Protein backbone atom coordinates (compact mmCIF):
# COMPACT_ATOMS: atom_id res chain seq x y z
CA MET A 1 35.61 -69.05 -30.62
CA ASN A 2 37.86 -69.29 -27.55
CA GLY A 3 40.48 -71.95 -28.19
CA GLY A 4 40.96 -72.78 -24.48
CA THR A 5 37.34 -73.42 -23.44
CA GLY A 6 35.62 -73.96 -26.74
CA LYS A 7 32.99 -71.30 -25.90
CA ARG A 8 31.94 -68.49 -28.17
CA VAL A 9 33.00 -65.11 -26.86
CA THR A 10 30.87 -62.13 -27.82
CA ARG A 11 32.92 -59.03 -28.41
CA VAL A 12 30.98 -55.82 -28.11
CA LYS A 13 32.32 -52.82 -29.84
CA ALA A 14 33.37 -50.19 -27.30
CA VAL A 15 31.78 -46.77 -27.38
CA PRO A 16 34.30 -44.08 -28.30
CA ALA A 17 35.29 -41.77 -25.45
CA ALA A 18 34.49 -38.72 -27.53
CA LEU A 19 30.78 -39.54 -27.46
CA ARG A 20 29.24 -37.26 -24.85
CA GLY A 21 25.85 -35.62 -24.41
CA ALA A 22 22.36 -36.76 -25.21
CA ASP A 23 22.76 -36.96 -28.98
CA THR A 24 26.01 -38.87 -28.80
CA ARG A 25 24.53 -41.24 -26.24
CA ARG A 26 21.72 -41.99 -28.67
CA ALA A 27 24.31 -42.67 -31.34
CA ALA A 28 26.07 -45.03 -28.96
CA GLY A 29 22.80 -46.79 -28.26
CA ARG A 30 22.20 -47.34 -31.94
CA GLU A 31 25.71 -48.79 -32.17
CA TRP A 32 24.91 -51.21 -29.36
CA LEU A 33 21.69 -52.22 -31.12
CA ARG A 34 23.55 -52.79 -34.35
CA VAL A 35 26.03 -55.03 -32.56
CA ALA A 36 23.21 -56.96 -30.89
CA ALA A 37 21.45 -57.51 -34.20
CA ARG A 38 24.42 -59.20 -35.88
CA PRO A 39 23.71 -62.75 -36.99
CA GLY A 40 25.12 -65.49 -34.81
CA ARG A 41 24.69 -63.66 -31.51
CA SER A 42 23.22 -65.59 -28.64
CA VAL A 43 20.02 -64.53 -26.90
CA ALA A 44 21.89 -63.59 -23.70
CA SER A 45 24.41 -61.39 -25.48
CA ALA A 46 21.67 -59.72 -27.52
CA ALA A 47 19.64 -58.99 -24.38
CA LEU A 48 22.73 -57.57 -22.67
CA ALA A 49 23.44 -55.28 -25.60
CA LEU A 50 19.80 -54.18 -25.76
CA ALA A 51 19.76 -53.29 -22.06
CA ALA A 52 22.97 -51.27 -22.43
CA ALA A 53 21.51 -49.41 -25.41
CA LEU A 54 18.34 -48.48 -23.51
CA ALA A 55 20.37 -47.29 -20.53
CA LEU A 56 22.47 -45.01 -22.73
CA VAL A 57 19.46 -43.54 -24.50
CA LEU A 58 17.23 -43.02 -21.48
CA LEU A 59 19.86 -41.92 -18.96
CA PRO A 60 19.61 -38.11 -18.38
CA ALA A 61 22.62 -35.98 -19.09
CA PRO A 62 24.82 -35.03 -16.13
CA GLY A 63 23.72 -31.72 -14.58
CA ALA A 64 20.43 -31.67 -16.55
CA ALA A 65 17.18 -30.80 -14.85
CA ALA A 66 15.22 -34.04 -14.90
CA ASP A 67 12.10 -32.35 -13.49
CA GLY A 68 12.20 -29.36 -15.83
CA LYS A 69 13.62 -26.96 -13.24
CA PRO A 70 16.62 -24.73 -14.02
CA ALA A 71 19.99 -26.34 -13.34
CA VAL A 72 23.58 -25.08 -13.39
CA THR A 73 26.85 -27.00 -13.77
CA LEU A 74 30.35 -25.60 -13.14
CA SER A 75 33.48 -26.76 -14.95
CA LYS A 76 35.50 -26.42 -11.71
CA GLU A 77 34.63 -26.57 -8.04
CA GLN A 78 37.55 -24.37 -6.94
CA ALA A 79 39.71 -21.68 -8.52
CA GLY A 80 41.66 -18.63 -7.47
CA GLN A 81 41.14 -15.00 -8.32
CA GLY A 82 42.08 -14.26 -11.92
CA GLY A 83 41.04 -17.70 -13.10
CA GLU A 84 38.04 -18.57 -15.23
CA ILE A 85 35.33 -21.20 -15.13
CA THR A 86 32.62 -22.28 -17.56
CA VAL A 87 29.04 -22.15 -16.34
CA THR A 88 26.59 -24.41 -18.18
CA GLY A 89 22.86 -24.39 -17.62
CA SER A 90 19.72 -26.14 -18.83
CA GLY A 91 16.02 -26.14 -18.10
CA TRP A 92 15.72 -22.34 -18.22
CA ARG A 93 13.08 -20.36 -20.06
CA PRO A 94 13.91 -20.08 -23.79
CA LYS A 95 15.46 -16.77 -24.89
CA ALA A 96 15.73 -15.58 -21.29
CA LEU A 97 18.32 -13.01 -20.18
CA LEU A 98 20.36 -14.30 -17.23
CA MET A 99 22.99 -12.73 -15.00
CA LEU A 100 25.93 -14.71 -13.58
CA LEU A 101 27.56 -13.48 -10.37
CA MET A 102 30.21 -14.72 -7.95
CA CYS A 103 28.67 -14.19 -4.50
CA GLY A 104 29.92 -14.61 -0.94
CA GLN A 105 28.17 -15.36 2.33
CA SER A 106 25.81 -17.66 0.46
CA SER A 107 24.68 -21.25 0.23
CA PRO A 108 22.28 -23.15 -2.03
CA GLY A 109 19.94 -23.73 0.89
CA ARG A 110 19.74 -20.15 2.18
CA GLY A 111 20.46 -18.28 -1.03
CA VAL A 112 22.52 -15.11 -1.29
CA ILE A 113 22.40 -13.50 2.15
CA GLY A 114 22.36 -9.74 1.72
CA GLY A 115 21.31 -9.83 -1.92
CA THR A 116 23.61 -8.80 -4.73
CA ASN A 117 25.51 -6.54 -2.34
CA SER A 118 27.38 -9.73 -1.40
CA CYS A 119 28.40 -10.37 -5.03
CA ALA A 120 31.24 -9.23 -7.28
CA ASN A 121 28.92 -7.23 -9.54
CA ALA A 122 31.72 -5.63 -11.57
CA ASP A 123 32.90 -9.05 -12.78
CA GLY A 124 29.45 -10.46 -13.51
CA ARG A 125 28.37 -11.68 -16.91
CA ALA A 126 25.09 -11.76 -18.85
CA VAL A 127 23.93 -14.51 -21.18
CA THR A 128 20.81 -15.35 -23.18
CA THR A 129 19.50 -18.89 -23.31
CA ASP A 130 18.85 -20.62 -26.62
CA ALA A 131 15.53 -21.95 -27.92
CA LYS A 132 15.89 -25.04 -25.69
CA GLY A 133 16.66 -23.08 -22.52
CA ARG A 134 20.36 -23.94 -22.42
CA PHE A 135 23.46 -21.75 -22.17
CA SER A 136 27.22 -21.89 -21.66
CA LYS A 137 29.23 -18.89 -20.51
CA ARG A 138 32.75 -18.27 -19.20
CA LEU A 139 32.83 -16.44 -15.86
CA PRO A 140 35.97 -14.87 -14.37
CA VAL A 141 36.76 -15.83 -10.80
CA ALA A 142 36.67 -12.76 -8.54
CA GLU A 143 36.68 -12.30 -4.79
CA PRO A 144 33.24 -11.15 -3.60
CA PRO A 145 32.92 -8.41 -0.98
CA LYS A 146 31.69 -10.95 1.59
CA PRO A 147 33.64 -13.98 2.84
CA CYS A 148 32.90 -17.50 1.66
CA PRO A 149 31.09 -19.91 1.59
CA CYS A 150 30.57 -18.75 -1.99
CA VAL A 151 28.25 -19.64 -4.84
CA VAL A 152 27.83 -18.88 -8.51
CA HIS A 153 24.48 -17.10 -8.56
CA VAL A 154 22.49 -17.43 -11.81
CA ALA A 155 19.18 -15.55 -11.99
CA THR A 156 16.78 -14.17 -14.57
CA VAL A 157 16.87 -10.43 -15.25
CA THR A 158 13.41 -10.00 -16.77
CA GLY A 159 10.20 -12.00 -16.77
CA GLU A 160 9.32 -14.68 -14.27
CA PRO A 161 11.96 -14.78 -11.51
CA ALA A 162 14.12 -17.88 -11.25
CA ALA A 163 17.50 -18.39 -9.58
CA VAL A 164 19.98 -21.20 -8.98
CA ASP A 165 23.03 -21.15 -6.69
CA ALA A 166 25.90 -23.53 -7.42
CA PRO A 167 28.50 -23.92 -4.61
CA PHE A 168 32.00 -22.74 -5.48
CA LYS A 169 35.19 -22.18 -3.52
CA VAL A 170 37.35 -19.14 -4.22
CA ALA A 171 40.88 -20.17 -3.34
CA GLY A 172 42.58 -17.76 -0.93
CA HIS A 173 39.35 -15.96 0.02
CA PRO A 174 38.48 -15.91 3.75
CA VAL A 175 35.79 -18.28 4.98
CA THR A 176 33.46 -17.54 7.90
CA PRO A 177 30.34 -19.34 9.13
CA LEU A 178 27.03 -18.09 7.84
CA PRO A 179 25.12 -15.83 10.24
CA SER A 180 22.58 -17.68 12.33
CA GLN A 181 18.95 -17.07 11.66
CA ALA A 182 17.60 -14.40 13.97
CA GLY A 183 15.77 -15.65 17.07
CA ALA A 184 13.00 -18.19 17.17
CA ALA A 185 10.71 -16.09 15.00
CA ARG A 186 10.97 -16.88 11.31
CA LEU A 187 8.86 -15.21 8.63
CA SER A 188 8.21 -16.88 5.31
CA VAL A 189 6.12 -16.00 2.28
CA LEU A 190 3.00 -18.15 1.99
CA ALA A 191 1.46 -16.76 -1.23
CA ALA A 192 2.63 -15.06 -4.38
CA ALA A 193 3.34 -11.36 -3.98
CA ARG A 194 1.63 -8.78 -6.16
CA LEU A 195 1.78 -5.07 -6.89
CA GLU A 196 -1.42 -3.07 -6.49
CA GLY A 197 -2.20 0.40 -7.79
CA ASP A 198 -2.50 2.36 -11.03
CA ASP A 199 -0.70 5.25 -12.65
CA GLY A 200 -2.36 8.65 -12.69
CA ILE A 201 -2.22 11.30 -15.39
CA LEU A 202 0.71 12.97 -13.65
CA VAL A 203 2.84 9.83 -14.05
CA TRP A 204 2.39 10.26 -17.81
CA PHE A 205 4.17 13.60 -17.40
CA GLY A 206 7.06 12.27 -15.30
CA ALA A 207 5.66 12.06 -11.76
CA PRO A 208 7.03 9.19 -9.59
CA ALA A 209 5.23 5.88 -10.08
CA THR A 210 3.91 4.35 -6.85
CA ARG A 211 2.66 0.86 -6.03
CA LYS A 212 1.77 -1.20 -2.97
CA LEU A 213 3.59 -4.49 -2.54
CA VAL A 214 1.16 -6.96 -0.99
CA VAL A 215 2.68 -10.07 0.62
CA THR A 216 1.14 -12.80 2.77
CA VAL A 217 3.72 -13.90 5.34
CA GLY A 218 3.54 -16.53 8.04
CA ASN A 219 5.41 -16.95 11.31
CA LEU A 220 7.06 -20.37 11.22
CA GLY A 221 8.85 -19.88 14.52
CA SER A 222 7.87 -20.31 18.14
CA ALA A 223 7.89 -16.63 19.18
CA PRO A 224 5.57 -13.83 18.05
CA VAL A 225 6.82 -11.16 15.67
CA LYS A 226 5.83 -7.64 16.75
CA ASP A 227 6.10 -4.62 14.45
CA PRO A 228 8.57 -6.23 12.03
CA VAL A 229 10.87 -3.98 10.02
CA PHE A 230 11.16 -4.92 6.35
CA GLN A 231 13.68 -3.65 3.84
CA VAL A 232 12.22 -2.76 0.45
CA GLY A 233 14.43 -2.10 -2.56
CA THR A 234 14.11 -1.53 -6.29
CA SER A 235 16.71 -2.41 -8.89
CA HIS A 236 16.99 -1.74 -12.62
CA GLY A 237 18.85 -4.18 -14.83
CA VAL A 238 21.84 -5.81 -13.19
CA PHE A 239 22.34 -3.08 -10.60
CA ALA A 240 22.00 -3.84 -6.90
CA PRO A 241 18.78 -2.66 -5.22
CA THR A 242 18.65 0.43 -3.04
CA TRP A 243 17.15 -0.65 0.29
CA GLU A 244 14.74 1.40 2.39
CA GLU A 245 13.41 0.31 5.79
CA GLN A 246 9.64 0.23 6.36
CA GLN A 247 8.01 -0.89 9.59
CA TRP A 248 4.77 -2.81 9.54
CA LYS A 249 2.51 -2.20 12.51
CA GLY A 250 1.10 -5.38 13.98
CA THR A 251 1.90 -8.70 15.64
CA ILE A 252 2.14 -12.09 13.94
CA PRO A 253 1.65 -14.93 16.48
CA PRO A 254 3.47 -18.25 16.01
CA GLY A 255 1.85 -20.39 13.34
CA GLN A 256 -0.29 -17.50 12.08
CA LYS A 257 -0.18 -15.45 8.89
CA ALA A 258 -0.72 -11.81 8.07
CA ARG A 259 -1.20 -9.60 5.02
CA VAL A 260 1.64 -7.10 4.78
CA GLU A 261 1.48 -4.00 2.58
CA VAL A 262 4.49 -1.78 1.91
CA THR A 263 4.76 1.24 -0.38
CA VAL A 264 7.16 1.23 -3.31
CA GLN A 265 7.97 4.47 -5.13
CA LEU A 266 10.37 5.12 -8.03
CA THR A 267 12.16 8.31 -8.96
CA SER A 268 10.65 10.91 -11.28
CA GLY A 269 10.70 9.91 -14.93
CA ALA A 270 11.75 6.31 -14.20
CA HIS A 271 10.67 3.77 -16.84
CA GLY A 272 11.61 0.29 -17.98
CA ASP A 273 11.83 -3.08 -16.22
CA TYR A 274 12.37 -2.92 -12.46
CA LEU A 275 12.64 -5.59 -9.77
CA VAL A 276 10.99 -4.93 -6.41
CA SER A 277 12.57 -6.88 -3.53
CA MET A 278 11.63 -7.19 0.11
CA LYS A 279 13.69 -8.85 2.81
CA TYR A 280 13.38 -9.47 6.52
CA GLY A 281 16.68 -9.54 8.34
CA GLU A 282 19.16 -11.03 5.90
CA LYS A 283 16.66 -13.16 3.99
CA VAL A 284 15.11 -11.94 0.75
CA LEU A 285 11.42 -12.82 0.88
CA VAL A 286 10.08 -11.41 -2.39
CA ALA A 287 11.46 -10.44 -5.81
CA GLN A 288 8.61 -9.09 -7.93
CA PRO A 289 9.12 -7.69 -11.48
CA TRP A 290 7.54 -4.34 -12.35
CA GLY A 291 7.30 -2.91 -15.86
CA VAL A 292 6.98 0.89 -15.90
CA GLY A 293 5.80 2.66 -19.04
CA ARG A 294 7.60 5.59 -20.63
CA PRO A 295 6.27 9.08 -19.68
CA TRP A 296 5.21 10.13 -23.17
CA GLY A 297 3.72 13.36 -21.84
CA VAL A 298 7.23 14.69 -21.23
CA THR A 299 8.17 13.89 -24.83
CA LEU A 300 5.04 15.68 -26.09
CA PHE A 301 5.88 18.69 -23.93
CA TRP A 302 9.37 19.01 -25.40
CA ILE A 303 8.03 18.70 -28.96
CA LEU A 304 5.52 21.50 -28.37
CA LEU A 305 8.20 23.58 -26.67
CA CYS A 306 10.49 23.25 -29.70
CA LEU A 307 7.65 24.46 -31.94
CA VAL A 308 6.16 27.28 -29.85
CA VAL A 309 9.32 28.94 -28.56
CA PRO A 310 10.94 29.59 -31.98
CA ALA A 311 7.63 30.99 -33.31
CA ALA A 312 7.28 33.33 -30.31
CA VAL A 313 10.89 34.51 -30.61
CA PHE A 314 10.40 35.22 -34.31
CA ARG A 315 7.30 37.34 -33.71
CA ILE A 316 8.95 39.27 -30.88
CA GLY A 317 11.99 39.92 -33.05
CA MET A 318 9.89 41.25 -35.94
CA SER A 319 7.99 43.53 -33.55
CA VAL A 320 11.26 44.94 -32.21
CA VAL A 321 12.58 45.49 -35.75
CA ASP A 322 9.43 47.43 -36.72
CA ARG A 323 9.81 49.68 -33.68
CA VAL A 324 13.50 50.51 -34.01
CA ARG A 325 13.60 50.80 -37.82
CA PRO A 326 14.45 54.40 -38.94
CA ARG A 327 11.65 56.45 -40.60
CA GLY A 328 13.89 58.71 -42.83
CA GLY A 329 14.54 58.66 -46.59
CA ALA A 330 16.52 55.47 -46.22
CA ALA A 331 13.36 53.75 -45.13
CA GLY A 332 12.35 53.39 -48.77
CA ALA A 333 14.75 50.47 -49.10
CA GLY A 334 13.01 48.55 -46.32
CA ARG A 335 10.18 46.13 -46.40
CA HIS A 336 7.51 48.87 -46.20
CA ARG A 337 7.67 51.84 -48.61
CA THR A 338 6.51 55.30 -47.50
CA VAL A 339 4.07 57.11 -49.80
CA ARG A 340 5.47 60.50 -50.77
CA LEU A 341 2.97 63.32 -50.32
CA LEU A 342 2.51 65.66 -53.29
CA PRO A 343 2.70 69.43 -52.67
CA LYS A 344 -0.57 71.06 -51.87
CA THR A 345 -2.36 72.46 -54.95
CA THR A 346 -5.44 74.63 -55.08
CA ALA A 347 -8.01 73.30 -57.48
CA LYS A 348 -9.41 76.05 -59.69
CA LEU A 349 -13.04 75.27 -60.21
CA PRO A 350 -15.54 77.40 -62.17
CA LYS A 351 -17.85 79.50 -60.10
CA ALA A 352 -21.36 78.32 -59.82
CA PRO A 353 -23.93 80.54 -61.53
CA THR A 354 -25.91 82.85 -59.26
CA ALA A 355 -29.68 83.01 -58.98
CA ALA A 356 -29.88 86.33 -60.85
CA THR A 357 -28.05 85.02 -63.84
CA THR A 358 -30.24 81.95 -63.89
CA ALA A 359 -33.37 84.05 -63.81
CA THR A 360 -32.42 86.40 -66.61
CA ALA A 361 -31.21 83.89 -69.13
CA LEU A 362 -31.80 80.26 -69.34
CA PRO A 363 -28.90 78.20 -70.54
CA TRP A 364 -30.69 76.92 -73.65
CA PHE A 365 -31.92 80.33 -74.89
CA THR A 366 -29.99 83.33 -76.03
CA PRO A 367 -31.19 86.75 -74.96
CA ASP A 368 -32.49 87.66 -78.42
CA SER A 369 -34.33 84.35 -78.95
CA ALA A 370 -36.15 84.01 -75.67
CA PRO A 371 -39.95 83.72 -76.07
CA SER A 372 -42.03 86.72 -75.19
CA GLU A 373 -45.48 88.09 -75.85
CA ASN A 374 -44.38 89.82 -79.01
CA HIS A 375 -42.35 86.88 -80.27
CA PRO A 376 -44.14 83.65 -79.66
CA THR A 377 -42.45 80.43 -80.46
CA THR A 378 -42.68 79.14 -83.92
CA LYS A 379 -42.91 75.52 -82.84
CA GLY A 380 -45.76 73.93 -84.53
CA HIS A 381 -46.09 76.73 -87.11
CA SER A 382 -44.89 76.66 -90.60
């Protein structure tokens, strides 16, 4: 009760300053509801407290992605080299690996002109999002190789590509205007890029993997584009891509589109997750992931080599040992024993009986008992 006017004054408990974030805002809303529900409160004060509670609960967190897209928030907008800032993100894919880079010659509208070659790659950081797609990482402030305007570039390393550029000013670093877009001819990607082609049997044994990058581009300018030269690069992990120029033969009139095919080839034995990029001028048009399988044929070859070579060397060594081993008396101690030859002996055999001896006397009769006409046999006689 106010003593001066006689009116009841409703005192609403203030929300502590330490309450921050979505959960703490919900707690503050419940506190407002509890205050509004106290007995003796007027209808107007209760409605006011209810409206404040709903605003605290439903209001999105600062820097959050209300539409589900990735978002990045910086703890500072300016810092000098050697300092450190905290990069906070939300709305990213859960358990995604991200890279954080300080890049020059960039803007959120045009992206990183020149790719990661414009970034301080040595001072970059990697972070993995949590189950809700959020992260918080400290990033050292370093001067990029290109002049400002600068951004903190956050991009996915694997999986579906996604990137966000947050403007940042590196104190003491030179600032120059961004390069103007070349001419009146502007090429833009109209459809999702894709990689076409398959791996042959030779790729399984370490041959270079080759694909065709197919992109549908359209001329959004007022002048035709004749025989455009694209730069195609491949990168592995957080390393900057190696660019190679490829010219496409043809003309794209203003307001028309064309199907562009460029060849992408990796080095021999390359495997893992790669990122294929294509840019026209200073603008990166496509960043397509490419997963390359391991060449297991090379592994099988080395396993067979480790088995066959020792066996062949062993057999060759044993053959050499058998050839150079001495054949003298000392050979008896070796693996093979030599059979000693006995001195030659002459076998004394009895002489075979001659025909005359056989005719005169049979072996089972004596000369005086042989049957004759005068002495018949007594067999059968008593």
